[in-house]
Amino acid sequence: MLVNERTLLPVLMPLAPVASLAVRLPGALVDILAAHGVPRSFIDSEVCEMQVVKYAKTQNRSVVGIMTEFAHLAEAYRAHGKPTELIDLSLKLARTPCSPLYKGPVSPERALKELASDGGVGA
């Protein structure tokens, strides 16, 4: 699971093989963003910004907390048989209200829609 710091948008994808994660991530992000119905121009700009990859620990404890919450929710959803595909699960998690977003868009899905409508890079 990868989560954007600004929108808290979750992208669920297989970790293995980890050596190719950076190569596979743009494709997974394209699928998620397209499933959310954001404009192709926004998707292309996001993928363009992903040309250089650096791995680092997050300093944002809210993101870690949201990732933990999403992991628990994903397990619960899968245990009840809905949804089971990673893209569908990512979409469902994106509708979850998140406390760091309460003063604004409330959910990652809404935060993404706001960002995409502004044309900003950073989803």
PDB file of N, CA and C in Angstrom:
ATOM      1  N   MET A   1       0.844  -1.178   0.000  1.00  0.00           N
ATOM      2  CA  MET A   1       0.000   0.000   0.000  1.00  0.00           C
ATOM      3  C   MET A   1       0.886   1.237   0.000  1.00  0.00           C
ATOM      4  N   LEU A   2       0.526   2.148  -0.876  1.00  0.00           N
ATOM      5  CA  LEU A   2       1.183   3.441  -0.930  1.00  0.00           C
ATOM      6  C   LEU A   2       0.106   4.494  -0.707  1.00  0.00           C
ATOM      7  N   VAL A   3       0.445   5.554   0.029  1.00  0.00           N
ATOM      8  CA  VAL A   3      -0.522   6.610   0.336  1.00  0.00           C
ATOM      9  C   VAL A   3       0.123   7.957   0.053  1.00  0.00           C
ATOM     10  N   ASN A   4      -0.574   8.785  -0.701  1.00  0.00           N
ATOM     11  CA  ASN A   4      -0.084  10.116  -0.995  1.00  0.00           C
ATOM     12  C   ASN A   4      -0.216  11.005   0.235  1.00  0.00           C
ATOM     13  N   GLU A   5       0.825  11.742   0.540  1.00  0.00           N
ATOM     14  CA  GLU A   5       0.829  12.577   1.746  1.00  0.00           C
ATOM     15  C   GLU A   5      -0.194  13.707   1.675  1.00  0.00           C
ATOM     16  N   ARG A   6      -0.382  14.288   0.517  1.00  0.00           N
ATOM     17  CA  ARG A   6      -1.272  15.452   0.386  1.00  0.00           C
ATOM     18  C   ARG A   6      -2.752  15.060   0.376  1.00  0.00           C
ATOM     19  N   THR A   7      -3.102  14.039  -0.402  1.00  0.00           N
ATOM     20  CA  THR A   7      -4.511  13.657  -0.551  1.00  0.00           C
ATOM     21  C   THR A   7      -4.900  12.445   0.281  1.00  0.00           C
ATOM     22  N   LEU A   8      -3.913  11.713   0.775  1.00  0.00           N
ATOM     23  CA  LEU A   8      -4.101  10.441   1.482  1.00  0.00           C
ATOM     24  C   LEU A   8      -4.711   9.369   0.576  1.00  0.00           C
ATOM     25  N   LEU A   9      -4.590   9.557  -0.731  1.00  0.00           N
ATOM     26  CA  LEU A   9      -5.114   8.592  -1.691  1.00  0.00           C
ATOM     27  C   LEU A   9      -4.331   7.284  -1.590  1.00  0.00           C
ATOM     28  N   PRO A  10      -5.023   6.162  -1.318  1.00  0.00           N
ATOM     29  CA  PRO A  10      -4.335   4.877  -1.240  1.00  0.00           C
ATOM     30  C   PRO A  10      -4.222   4.212  -2.615  1.00  0.00           C
ATOM     31  N   VAL A  11      -3.078   3.599  -2.844  1.00  0.00           N
ATOM     32  CA  VAL A  11      -2.854   2.786  -4.038  1.00  0.00           C
ATOM     33  C   VAL A  11      -2.399   1.423  -3.542  1.00  0.00           C
ATOM     34  N   LEU A  12      -3.262   0.439  -3.696  1.00  0.00           N
ATOM     35  CA  LEU A  12      -2.910  -0.921  -3.303  1.00  0.00           C
ATOM     36  C   LEU A  12      -2.384  -1.653  -4.524  1.00  0.00           C
ATOM     37  N   MET A  13      -1.234  -2.287  -4.357  1.00  0.00           N
ATOM     38  CA  MET A  13      -0.609  -3.047  -5.432  1.00  0.00           C
ATOM     39  C   MET A  13       0.298  -4.093  -4.815  1.00  0.00           C
ATOM     40  N   PRO A  14       0.593  -5.162  -5.543  1.00  0.00           N
ATOM     41  CA  PRO A  14       1.506  -6.170  -5.001  1.00  0.00           C
ATOM     42  C   PRO A  14       2.895  -5.577  -4.773  1.00  0.00           C
ATOM     43  N   LEU A  15       3.503  -5.903  -3.655  1.00  0.00           N
ATOM     44  CA  LEU A  15       4.863  -5.448  -3.376  1.00  0.00           C
ATOM     45  C   LEU A  15       5.876  -6.255  -4.181  1.00  0.00           C
ATOM     46  N   ALA A  16       5.649  -7.539  -4.296  1.00  0.00           N
ATOM     47  CA  ALA A  16       6.605  -8.412  -4.989  1.00  0.00           C
ATOM     48  C   ALA A  16       6.428  -8.311  -6.500  1.00  0.00           C
ATOM     49  N   PRO A  17       7.508  -8.327  -7.224  1.00  0.00           N
ATOM     50  CA  PRO A  17       8.891  -8.264  -6.772  1.00  0.00           C
ATOM     51  C   PRO A  17       9.271  -6.824  -6.427  1.00  0.00           C
ATOM     52  N   VAL A  18       9.820  -6.651  -5.257  1.00  0.00           N
ATOM     53  CA  VAL A  18      10.113  -5.315  -4.742  1.00  0.00           C
ATOM     54  C   VAL A  18      11.108  -4.558  -5.625  1.00  0.00           C
ATOM     55  N   ALA A  19      11.990  -5.272  -6.292  1.00  0.00           N
ATOM     56  CA  ALA A  19      12.992  -4.613  -7.133  1.00  0.00           C
ATOM     57  C   ALA A  19      12.352  -3.815  -8.270  1.00  0.00           C
ATOM     58  N   SER A  20      11.152  -4.190  -8.678  1.00  0.00           N
ATOM     59  CA  SER A  20      10.497  -3.488  -9.789  1.00  0.00           C
ATOM     60  C   SER A  20       9.362  -2.567  -9.329  1.00  0.00           C
ATOM     61  N   LEU A  21       9.272  -2.307  -8.039  1.00  0.00           N
ATOM     62  CA  LEU A  21       8.185  -1.476  -7.513  1.00  0.00           C
ATOM     63  C   LEU A  21       8.144  -0.105  -8.185  1.00  0.00           C
ATOM     64  N   ALA A  22       9.286   0.545  -8.297  1.00  0.00           N
ATOM     65  CA  ALA A  22       9.331   1.887  -8.884  1.00  0.00           C
ATOM     66  C   ALA A  22       8.904   1.879 -10.348  1.00  0.00           C
ATOM     67  N   VAL A  23       9.155   0.792 -11.038  1.00  0.00           N
ATOM     68  CA  VAL A  23       8.766   0.676 -12.443  1.00  0.00           C
ATOM     69  C   VAL A  23       7.268   0.404 -12.565  1.00  0.00           C
ATOM     70  N   ARG A  24       6.717  -0.366 -11.626  1.00  0.00           N
ATOM     71  CA  ARG A  24       5.309  -0.750 -11.671  1.00  0.00           C
ATOM     72  C   ARG A  24       4.363   0.304 -11.103  1.00  0.00           C
ATOM     73  N   LEU A  25       4.855   1.137 -10.201  1.00  0.00           N
ATOM     74  CA  LEU A  25       4.000   2.125  -9.536  1.00  0.00           C
ATOM     75  C   LEU A  25       3.285   3.073 -10.499  1.00  0.00           C
ATOM     76  N   PRO A  26       3.959   3.657 -11.488  1.00  0.00           N
ATOM     77  CA  PRO A  26       3.222   4.565 -12.375  1.00  0.00           C
ATOM     78  C   PRO A  26       2.014   3.908 -13.044  1.00  0.00           C
ATOM     79  N   GLY A  27       2.147   2.669 -13.466  1.00  0.00           N
ATOM     80  CA  GLY A  27       1.021   1.968 -14.084  1.00  0.00           C
ATOM     81  C   GLY A  27      -0.127   1.768 -13.114  1.00  0.00           C
ATOM     82  N   ALA A  28       0.210   1.405 -11.880  1.00  0.00           N
ATOM     83  CA  ALA A  28      -0.824   1.220 -10.856  1.00  0.00           C
ATOM     84  C   ALA A  28      -1.519   2.549 -10.554  1.00  0.00           C
ATOM     85  N   LEU A  29      -0.744   3.617 -10.493  1.00  0.00           N
ATOM     86  CA  LEU A  29      -1.328   4.935 -10.231  1.00  0.00           C
ATOM     87  C   LEU A  29      -2.241   5.369 -11.379  1.00  0.00           C
ATOM     88  N   VAL A  30      -1.808   5.122 -12.609  1.00  0.00           N
ATOM     89  CA  VAL A  30      -2.650   5.448 -13.770  1.00  0.00           C
ATOM     90  C   VAL A  30      -3.996   4.738 -13.649  1.00  0.00           C
ATOM     91  N   ASP A  31      -3.963   3.457 -13.297  1.00  0.00           N
ATOM     92  CA  ASP A  31      -5.203   2.686 -13.161  1.00  0.00           C
ATOM     93  C   ASP A  31      -6.121   3.272 -12.090  1.00  0.00           C
ATOM     94  N   ILE A  32      -5.539   3.626 -10.941  1.00  0.00           N
ATOM     95  CA  ILE A  32      -6.332   4.178  -9.833  1.00  0.00           C
ATOM     96  C   ILE A  32      -6.906   5.544 -10.207  1.00  0.00           C
ATOM     97  N   LEU A  33      -6.062   6.416 -10.749  1.00  0.00           N
ATOM     98  CA  LEU A  33      -6.539   7.754 -11.111  1.00  0.00           C
ATOM     99  C   LEU A  33      -7.612   7.685 -12.194  1.00  0.00           C
ATOM    100  N   ALA A  34      -7.425   6.809 -13.175  1.00  0.00           N
ATOM    101  CA  ALA A  34      -8.436   6.648 -14.228  1.00  0.00           C
ATOM    102  C   ALA A  34      -9.742   6.119 -13.639  1.00  0.00           C
ATOM    103  N   ALA A  35      -9.645   5.190 -12.703  1.00  0.00           N
ATOM    104  CA  ALA A  35     -10.847   4.641 -12.059  1.00  0.00           C
ATOM    105  C   ALA A  35     -11.596   5.718 -11.273  1.00  0.00           C
ATOM    106  N   HIS A  36     -10.867   6.713 -10.794  1.00  0.00           N
ATOM    107  CA  HIS A  36     -11.499   7.834 -10.086  1.00  0.00           C
ATOM    108  C   HIS A  36     -12.067   8.870 -11.056  1.00  0.00           C
ATOM    109  N   GLY A  37     -11.784   8.705 -12.338  1.00  0.00           N
ATOM    110  CA  GLY A  37     -12.346   9.597 -13.344  1.00  0.00           C
ATOM    111  C   GLY A  37     -11.665  10.946 -13.467  1.00  0.00           C
ATOM    112  N   VAL A  38     -10.407  11.041 -13.041  1.00  0.00           N
ATOM    113  CA  VAL A  38      -9.709  12.324 -13.175  1.00  0.00           C
ATOM    114  C   VAL A  38      -9.259  12.503 -14.629  1.00  0.00           C
ATOM    115  N   PRO A  39      -9.086  13.743 -15.073  1.00  0.00           N
ATOM    116  CA  PRO A  39      -8.706  14.000 -16.465  1.00  0.00           C
ATOM    117  C   PRO A  39      -7.360  13.370 -16.840  1.00  0.00           C
ATOM    118  N   ARG A  40      -7.271  12.935 -18.085  1.00  0.00           N
ATOM    119  CA  ARG A  40      -6.039  12.297 -18.573  1.00  0.00           C
ATOM    120  C   ARG A  40      -4.851  13.250 -18.465  1.00  0.00           C
ATOM    121  N   SER A  41      -5.060  14.536 -18.674  1.00  0.00           N
ATOM    122  CA  SER A  41      -3.960  15.501 -18.573  1.00  0.00           C
ATOM    123  C   SER A  41      -3.382  15.520 -17.159  1.00  0.00           C
ATOM    124  N   PHE A  42      -4.235  15.386 -16.158  1.00  0.00           N
ATOM    125  CA  PHE A  42      -3.777  15.332 -14.769  1.00  0.00           C
ATOM    126  C   PHE A  42      -2.977  14.056 -14.532  1.00  0.00           C
ATOM    127  N   ILE A  43      -3.482  12.934 -15.025  1.00  0.00           N
ATOM    128  CA  ILE A  43      -2.785  11.651 -14.872  1.00  0.00           C
ATOM    129  C   ILE A  43      -1.405  11.730 -15.512  1.00  0.00           C
ATOM    130  N   ASP A  44      -1.340  12.263 -16.729  1.00  0.00           N
ATOM    131  CA  ASP A  44      -0.058  12.368 -17.428  1.00  0.00           C
ATOM    132  C   ASP A  44       0.931  13.238 -16.666  1.00  0.00           C
ATOM    133  N   SER A  45       0.453  14.342 -16.081  1.00  0.00           N
ATOM    134  CA  SER A  45       1.362  15.219 -15.327  1.00  0.00           C
ATOM    135  C   SER A  45       1.870  14.530 -14.067  1.00  0.00           C
ATOM    136  N   GLU A  46       1.017  13.736 -13.432  1.00  0.00           N
ATOM    137  CA  GLU A  46       1.441  12.997 -12.239  1.00  0.00           C
ATOM    138  C   GLU A  46       2.515  11.972 -12.587  1.00  0.00           C
ATOM    139  N   VAL A  47       2.297  11.223 -13.644  1.00  0.00           N
ATOM    140  CA  VAL A  47       3.265  10.201 -14.058  1.00  0.00           C
ATOM    141  C   VAL A  47       4.582  10.860 -14.465  1.00  0.00           C
ATOM    142  N   CYS A  48       4.506  11.997 -15.126  1.00  0.00           N
ATOM    143  CA  CYS A  48       5.712  12.730 -15.523  1.00  0.00           C
ATOM    144  C   CYS A  48       6.545  13.125 -14.305  1.00  0.00           C
ATOM    145  N   GLU A  49       5.875  13.485 -13.216  1.00  0.00           N
ATOM    146  CA  GLU A  49       6.570  13.880 -11.987  1.00  0.00           C
ATOM    147  C   GLU A  49       7.217  12.695 -11.268  1.00  0.00           C
ATOM    148  N   MET A  50       6.914  11.480 -11.701  1.00  0.00           N
ATOM    149  CA  MET A  50       7.419  10.278 -11.027  1.00  0.00           C
ATOM    150  C   MET A  50       8.652   9.694 -11.711  1.00  0.00           C
ATOM    151  N   GLN A  51       9.321  10.461 -12.545  1.00  0.00           N
ATOM    152  CA  GLN A  51      10.460   9.930 -13.290  1.00  0.00           C
ATOM    153  C   GLN A  51      11.648   9.595 -12.394  1.00  0.00           C
ATOM    154  N   VAL A  52      11.846  10.367 -11.348  1.00  0.00           N
ATOM    155  CA  VAL A  52      12.937  10.108 -10.401  1.00  0.00           C
ATOM    156  C   VAL A  52      12.316   9.559  -9.123  1.00  0.00           C
ATOM    157  N   VAL A  53      12.800   8.400  -8.691  1.00  0.00           N
ATOM    158  CA  VAL A  53      12.241   7.740  -7.508  1.00  0.00           C
ATOM    159  C   VAL A  53      13.276   7.728  -6.393  1.00  0.00           C
ATOM    160  N   LYS A  54      12.834   8.129  -5.212  1.00  0.00           N
ATOM    161  CA  LYS A  54      13.669   8.056  -4.012  1.00  0.00           C
ATOM    162  C   LYS A  54      12.836   7.415  -2.922  1.00  0.00           C
ATOM    163  N   TYR A  55      13.418   6.458  -2.224  1.00  0.00           N
ATOM    164  CA  TYR A  55      12.731   5.813  -1.111  1.00  0.00           C
ATOM    165  C   TYR A  55      13.210   6.445   0.185  1.00  0.00           C
ATOM    166  N   ALA A  56      12.269   6.762   1.061  1.00  0.00           N
ATOM    167  CA  ALA A  56      12.610   7.349   2.354  1.00  0.00           C
ATOM    168  C   ALA A  56      11.474   7.073   3.334  1.00  0.00           C
ATOM    169  N   LYS A  57      11.803   7.100   4.610  1.00  0.00           N
ATOM    170  CA  LYS A  57      10.775   6.982   5.643  1.00  0.00           C
ATOM    171  C   LYS A  57       9.985   8.276   5.687  1.00  0.00           C
ATOM    172  N   THR A  58       8.701   8.153   5.942  1.00  0.00           N
ATOM    173  CA  THR A  58       7.894   9.360   6.086  1.00  0.00           C
ATOM    174  C   THR A  58       8.128   9.972   7.467  1.00  0.00           C
ATOM    175  N   GLN A  59       8.095  11.270   7.516  1.00  0.00           N
ATOM    176  CA  GLN A  59       8.177  11.976   8.785  1.00  0.00           C
ATOM    177  C   GLN A  59       6.782  12.370   9.257  1.00  0.00           C
ATOM    178  N   ASN A  60       5.783  12.058   8.448  1.00  0.00           N
ATOM    179  CA  ASN A  60       4.412  12.454   8.729  1.00  0.00           C
ATOM    180  C   ASN A  60       3.686  11.323   9.458  1.00  0.00           C
ATOM    181  N   ARG A  61       3.477  11.506  10.736  1.00  0.00           N
ATOM    182  CA  ARG A  61       2.832  10.462  11.540  1.00  0.00           C
ATOM    183  C   ARG A  61       1.371  10.258  11.159  1.00  0.00           C
ATOM    184  N   SER A  62       0.738  11.287  10.629  1.00  0.00           N
ATOM    185  CA  SER A  62      -0.646  11.138  10.176  1.00  0.00           C
ATOM    186  C   SER A  62      -0.738  10.137   9.029  1.00  0.00           C
ATOM    187  N   VAL A  63       0.227  10.181   8.122  1.00  0.00           N
ATOM    188  CA  VAL A  63       0.237   9.242   6.999  1.00  0.00           C
ATOM    189  C   VAL A  63       0.411   7.816   7.509  1.00  0.00           C
ATOM    190  N   VAL A  64       1.310   7.627   8.464  1.00  0.00           N
ATOM    191  CA  VAL A  64       1.514   6.293   9.040  1.00  0.00           C
ATOM    192  C   VAL A  64       0.228   5.810   9.705  1.00  0.00           C
ATOM    193  N   GLY A  65      -0.432   6.686  10.438  1.00  0.00           N
ATOM    194  CA  GLY A  65      -1.690   6.321  11.089  1.00  0.00           C
ATOM    195  C   GLY A  65      -2.775   5.962  10.086  1.00  0.00           C
ATOM    196  N   ILE A  66      -2.863   6.735   9.007  1.00  0.00           N
ATOM    197  CA  ILE A  66      -3.856   6.454   7.965  1.00  0.00           C
ATOM    198  C   ILE A  66      -3.540   5.130   7.285  1.00  0.00           C
ATOM    199  N   MET A  67      -2.271   4.864   7.026  1.00  0.00           N
ATOM    200  CA  MET A  67      -1.895   3.589   6.400  1.00  0.00           C
ATOM    201  C   MET A  67      -2.284   2.417   7.301  1.00  0.00           C
ATOM    202  N   THR A  68      -2.079   2.578   8.594  1.00  0.00           N
ATOM    203  CA  THR A  68      -2.462   1.529   9.544  1.00  0.00           C
ATOM    204  C   THR A  68      -3.974   1.323   9.522  1.00  0.00           C
ATOM    205  N   GLU A  69      -4.721   2.417   9.541  1.00  0.00           N
ATOM    206  CA  GLU A  69      -6.184   2.334   9.495  1.00  0.00           C
ATOM    207  C   GLU A  69      -6.659   1.701   8.191  1.00  0.00           C
ATOM    208  N   PHE A  70      -6.078   2.124   7.076  1.00  0.00           N
ATOM    209  CA  PHE A  70      -6.446   1.536   5.781  1.00  0.00           C
ATOM    210  C   PHE A  70      -6.147   0.038   5.751  1.00  0.00           C
ATOM    211  N   ALA A  71      -5.023  -0.363   6.337  1.00  0.00           N
ATOM    212  CA  ALA A  71      -4.666  -1.792   6.357  1.00  0.00           C
ATOM    213  C   ALA A  71      -5.713  -2.593   7.126  1.00  0.00           C
ATOM    214  N   HIS A  72      -6.146  -2.070   8.269  1.00  0.00           N
ATOM    215  CA  HIS A  72      -7.181  -2.755   9.058  1.00  0.00           C
ATOM    216  C   HIS A  72      -8.511  -2.807   8.297  1.00  0.00           C
ATOM    217  N   LEU A  73      -8.883  -1.693   7.692  1.00  0.00           N
ATOM    218  CA  LEU A  73     -10.129  -1.659   6.920  1.00  0.00           C
ATOM    219  C   LEU A  73     -10.072  -2.617   5.731  1.00  0.00           C
ATOM    220  N   ALA A  74      -8.940  -2.644   5.049  1.00  0.00           N
ATOM    221  CA  ALA A  74      -8.791  -3.537   3.892  1.00  0.00           C
ATOM    222  C   ALA A  74      -8.940  -4.994   4.309  1.00  0.00           C
ATOM    223  N   GLU A  75      -8.334  -5.355   5.436  1.00  0.00           N
ATOM    224  CA  GLU A  75      -8.471  -6.726   5.939  1.00  0.00           C
ATOM    225  C   GLU A  75      -9.930  -7.040   6.251  1.00  0.00           C
ATOM    226  N   ALA A  76     -10.619  -6.107   6.876  1.00  0.00           N
ATOM    227  CA  ALA A  76     -12.028  -6.328   7.219  1.00  0.00           C
ATOM    228  C   ALA A  76     -12.888  -6.452   5.961  1.00  0.00           C
ATOM    229  N   TYR A  77     -12.655  -5.585   4.984  1.00  0.00           N
ATOM    230  CA  TYR A  77     -13.421  -5.661   3.738  1.00  0.00           C
ATOM    231  C   TYR A  77     -13.185  -6.993   3.035  1.00  0.00           C
ATOM    232  N   ARG A  78     -11.927  -7.409   2.974  1.00  0.00           N
ATOM    233  CA  ARG A  78     -11.608  -8.666   2.284  1.00  0.00           C
ATOM    234  C   ARG A  78     -12.169  -9.867   3.034  1.00  0.00           C
ATOM    235  N   ALA A  79     -12.194  -9.796   4.360  1.00  0.00           N
ATOM    236  CA  ALA A  79     -12.732 -10.905   5.158  1.00  0.00           C
ATOM    237  C   ALA A  79     -14.225 -11.104   4.891  1.00  0.00           C
ATOM    238  N   HIS A  80     -14.893 -10.027   4.522  1.00  0.00           N
ATOM    239  CA  HIS A  80     -16.327 -10.110   4.232  1.00  0.00           C
ATOM    240  C   HIS A  80     -16.604 -10.234   2.734  1.00  0.00           C
ATOM    241  N   GLY A  81     -15.550 -10.474   1.967  1.00  0.00           N
ATOM    242  CA  GLY A  81     -15.709 -10.745   0.546  1.00  0.00           C
ATOM    243  C   GLY A  81     -16.046  -9.578  -0.350  1.00  0.00           C
ATOM    244  N   LYS A  82     -15.844  -8.357   0.134  1.00  0.00           N
ATOM    245  CA  LYS A  82     -16.140  -7.204  -0.718  1.00  0.00           C
ATOM    246  C   LYS A  82     -15.234  -6.048  -0.407  1.00  0.00           C
ATOM    247  N   PRO A  83     -14.648  -5.446  -1.314  1.00  0.00           N
ATOM    248  CA  PRO A  83     -14.256  -6.010  -2.600  1.00  0.00           C
ATOM    249  C   PRO A  83     -12.977  -6.820  -2.432  1.00  0.00           C
ATOM    250  N   THR A  84     -12.606  -7.597  -3.418  1.00  0.00           N
ATOM    251  CA  THR A  84     -11.397  -8.410  -3.297  1.00  0.00           C
ATOM    252  C   THR A  84     -10.293  -7.966  -4.254  1.00  0.00           C
ATOM    253  N   GLU A  85     -10.635  -7.323  -5.348  1.00  0.00           N
ATOM    254  CA  GLU A  85      -9.616  -6.831  -6.284  1.00  0.00           C
ATOM    255  C   GLU A  85      -8.952  -5.596  -5.681  1.00  0.00           C
ATOM    256  N   LEU A  86      -7.632  -5.481  -5.857  1.00  0.00           N
ATOM    257  CA  LEU A  86      -6.892  -4.376  -5.246  1.00  0.00           C
ATOM    258  C   LEU A  86      -7.378  -3.009  -5.722  1.00  0.00           C
ATOM    259  N   ILE A  87      -7.690  -2.875  -6.987  1.00  0.00           N
ATOM    260  CA  ILE A  87      -8.153  -1.573  -7.479  1.00  0.00           C
ATOM    261  C   ILE A  87      -9.503  -1.208  -6.858  1.00  0.00           C
ATOM    262  N   ASP A  88     -10.397  -2.178  -6.740  1.00  0.00           N
ATOM    263  CA  ASP A  88     -11.699  -1.914  -6.115  1.00  0.00           C
ATOM    264  C   ASP A  88     -11.546  -1.590  -4.635  1.00  0.00           C
ATOM    265  N   LEU A  89     -10.629  -2.272  -3.992  1.00  0.00           N
ATOM    266  CA  LEU A  89     -10.353  -2.015  -2.580  1.00  0.00           C
ATOM    267  C   LEU A  89      -9.751  -0.622  -2.403  1.00  0.00           C
ATOM    268  N   SER A  90      -8.856  -0.230  -3.306  1.00  0.00           N
ATOM    269  CA  SER A  90      -8.275   1.119  -3.263  1.00  0.00           C
ATOM    270  C   SER A  90      -9.360   2.181  -3.393  1.00  0.00           C
ATOM    271  N   LEU A  91     -10.296   1.953  -4.307  1.00  0.00           N
ATOM    272  CA  LEU A  91     -11.392   2.905  -4.508  1.00  0.00           C
ATOM    273  C   LEU A  91     -12.278   2.999  -3.270  1.00  0.00           C
ATOM    274  N   LYS A  92     -12.569   1.870  -2.656  1.00  0.00           N
ATOM    275  CA  LYS A  92     -13.406   1.859  -1.446  1.00  0.00           C
ATOM    276  C   LYS A  92     -12.698   2.592  -0.301  1.00  0.00           C
ATOM    277  N   LEU A  93     -11.420   2.319  -0.110  1.00  0.00           N
ATOM    278  CA  LEU A  93     -10.660   2.986   0.953  1.00  0.00           C
ATOM    279  C   LEU A  93     -10.595   4.496   0.721  1.00  0.00           C
ATOM    280  N   ALA A  94     -10.547   4.910  -0.530  1.00  0.00           N
ATOM    281  CA  ALA A  94     -10.456   6.339  -0.850  1.00  0.00           C
ATOM    282  C   ALA A  94     -11.708   7.109  -0.444  1.00  0.00           C
ATOM    283  N   ARG A  95     -12.799   6.405  -0.205  1.00  0.00           N
ATOM    284  CA  ARG A  95     -14.030   7.071   0.241  1.00  0.00           C
ATOM    285  C   ARG A  95     -14.107   7.194   1.765  1.00  0.00           C
ATOM    286  N   THR A  96     -13.106   6.684   2.460  1.00  0.00           N
ATOM    287  CA  THR A  96     -13.082   6.696   3.918  1.00  0.00           C
ATOM    288  C   THR A  96     -12.785   8.096   4.454  1.00  0.00           C
ATOM    289  N   PRO A  97     -13.598   8.615   5.360  1.00  0.00           N
ATOM    290  CA  PRO A  97     -13.268   9.892   6.000  1.00  0.00           C
ATOM    291  C   PRO A  97     -11.963   9.762   6.788  1.00  0.00           C
ATOM    292  N   CYS A  98     -11.104  10.763   6.655  1.00  0.00           N
ATOM    293  CA  CYS A  98      -9.799  10.746   7.319  1.00  0.00           C
ATOM    294  C   CYS A  98      -9.637  12.024   8.137  1.00  0.00           C
ATOM    295  N   SER A  99      -9.316  11.879   9.407  1.00  0.00           N
ATOM    296  CA  SER A  99      -9.255  13.048  10.287  1.00  0.00           C
ATOM    297  C   SER A  99      -8.299  14.137   9.807  1.00  0.00           C
ATOM    298  N   PRO A 100      -7.144  13.833   9.191  1.00  0.00           N
ATOM    299  CA  PRO A 100      -6.305  14.941   8.718  1.00  0.00           C
ATOM    300  C   PRO A 100      -6.972  15.782   7.620  1.00  0.00           C
ATOM    301  N   LEU A 101      -8.028  15.261   7.011  1.00  0.00           N
ATOM    302  CA  LEU A 101      -8.725  15.979   5.936  1.00  0.00           C
ATOM    303  C   LEU A 101     -10.046  16.598   6.396  1.00  0.00           C
ATOM    304  N   TYR A 102     -10.377  16.511   7.683  1.00  0.00           N
ATOM    305  CA  TYR A 102     -11.689  16.951   8.167  1.00  0.00           C
ATOM    306  C   TYR A 102     -11.983  18.426   7.924  1.00  0.00           C
ATOM    307  N   LYS A 103     -10.982  19.277   7.925  1.00  0.00           N
ATOM    308  CA  LYS A 103     -11.236  20.707   7.717  1.00  0.00           C
ATOM    309  C   LYS A 103     -11.367  21.055   6.240  1.00  0.00           C
ATOM    310  N   GLY A 104     -11.230  20.053   5.395  1.00  0.00           N
ATOM    311  CA  GLY A 104     -11.329  20.282   3.951  1.00  0.00           C
ATOM    312  C   GLY A 104     -12.203  19.238   3.293  1.00  0.00           C
ATOM    313  N   PRO A 105     -11.611  18.464   2.408  1.00  0.00           N
ATOM    314  CA  PRO A 105     -12.406  17.539   1.597  1.00  0.00           C
ATOM    315  C   PRO A 105     -12.887  16.274   2.307  1.00  0.00           C
ATOM    316  N   VAL A 106     -12.396  15.957   3.467  1.00  0.00           N
ATOM    317  CA  VAL A 106     -12.811  14.846   4.328  1.00  0.00           C
ATOM    318  C   VAL A 106     -12.271  13.487   3.883  1.00  0.00           C
ATOM    319  N   SER A 107     -12.377  13.138   2.611  1.00  0.00           N
ATOM    320  CA  SER A 107     -11.919  11.821   2.157  1.00  0.00           C
ATOM    321  C   SER A 107     -10.852  11.976   1.072  1.00  0.00           C
ATOM    322  N   PRO A 108      -9.992  10.967   0.916  1.00  0.00           N
ATOM    323  CA  PRO A 108      -8.991  11.012  -0.153  1.00  0.00           C
ATOM    324  C   PRO A 108      -9.615  11.185  -1.540  1.00  0.00           C
ATOM    325  N   GLU A 109     -10.744  10.539  -1.775  1.00  0.00           N
ATOM    326  CA  GLU A 109     -11.409  10.654  -3.075  1.00  0.00           C
ATOM    327  C   GLU A 109     -11.774  12.109  -3.365  1.00  0.00           C
ATOM    328  N   ARG A 110     -12.336  12.791  -2.389  1.00  0.00           N
ATOM    329  CA  ARG A 110     -12.705  14.205  -2.566  1.00  0.00           C
ATOM    330  C   ARG A 110     -11.469  15.094  -2.675  1.00  0.00           C
ATOM    331  N   ALA A 111     -10.430  14.773  -1.898  1.00  0.00           N
ATOM    332  CA  ALA A 111      -9.185  15.542  -1.977  1.00  0.00           C
ATOM    333  C   ALA A 111      -8.578  15.422  -3.372  1.00  0.00           C
ATOM    334  N   LEU A 112      -8.624  14.222  -3.938  1.00  0.00           N
ATOM    335  CA  LEU A 112      -8.122  14.012  -5.297  1.00  0.00           C
ATOM    336  C   LEU A 112      -8.931  14.818  -6.299  1.00  0.00           C
ATOM    337  N   LYS A 113     -10.242  14.787  -6.177  1.00  0.00           N
ATOM    338  CA  LYS A 113     -11.105  15.537  -7.110  1.00  0.00           C
ATOM    339  C   LYS A 113     -10.800  17.033  -7.043  1.00  0.00           C
ATOM    340  N   GLU A 114     -10.598  17.557  -5.831  1.00  0.00           N
ATOM    341  CA  GLU A 114     -10.251  18.976  -5.683  1.00  0.00           C
ATOM    342  C   GLU A 114      -8.919  19.275  -6.345  1.00  0.00           C
ATOM    343  N   LEU A 115      -7.923  18.429  -6.085  1.00  0.00           N
ATOM    344  CA  LEU A 115      -6.593  18.641  -6.643  1.00  0.00           C
ATOM    345  C   LEU A 115      -6.628  18.553  -8.164  1.00  0.00           C
ATOM    346  N   ALA A 116      -7.325  17.563  -8.689  1.00  0.00           N
ATOM    347  CA  ALA A 116      -7.402  17.385 -10.140  1.00  0.00           C
ATOM    348  C   ALA A 116      -8.139  18.545 -10.805  1.00  0.00           C
ATOM    349  N   SER A 117      -9.162  19.065 -10.141  1.00  0.00           N
ATOM    350  CA  SER A 117      -9.912  20.182 -10.730  1.00  0.00           C
ATOM    351  C   SER A 117      -9.104  21.472 -10.701  1.00  0.00           C
ATOM    352  N   ASP A 118      -8.166  21.565  -9.731  1.00  0.00           N
ATOM    353  CA  ASP A 118      -7.268  22.721  -9.669  1.00  0.00           C
ATOM    354  C   ASP A 118      -6.111  22.576 -10.647  1.00  0.00           C
ATOM    355  N   GLY A 119      -5.916  21.346 -11.157  1.00  0.00           N
ATOM    356  CA  GLY A 119      -4.813  21.090 -12.080  1.00  0.00           C
ATOM    357  C   GLY A 119      -3.473  20.962 -11.394  1.00  0.00           C
ATOM    358  N   GLY A 120      -3.480  20.850 -10.052  1.00  0.00           N
ATOM    359  CA  GLY A 120      -2.234  20.784  -9.307  1.00  0.00           C
ATOM    360  C   GLY A 120      -1.567  19.436  -9.380  1.00  0.00           C
ATOM    361  N   VAL A 121      -0.258  19.438  -9.264  1.00  0.00           N
ATOM    362  CA  VAL A 121       0.523  18.207  -9.235  1.00  0.00           C
ATOM    363  C   VAL A 121       0.708  17.820  -7.786  1.00  0.00           C
ATOM    364  N   GLY A 122       0.568  16.538  -7.476  1.00  0.00           N
ATOM    365  CA  GLY A 122       0.813  16.103  -6.119  1.00  0.00           C
ATOM    366  C   GLY A 122      -0.111  15.035  -5.609  1.00  0.00           C
ATOM    367  N   ALA A 123      -0.870  14.410  -6.460  1.00  0.00           N
ATOM    368  CA  ALA A 123      -1.754  13.347  -5.964  1.00  0.00           C
ATOM    369  C   ALA A 123      -0.977  12.133  -5.709  1.00  0.00           C
TER     370      ALA A 123
END
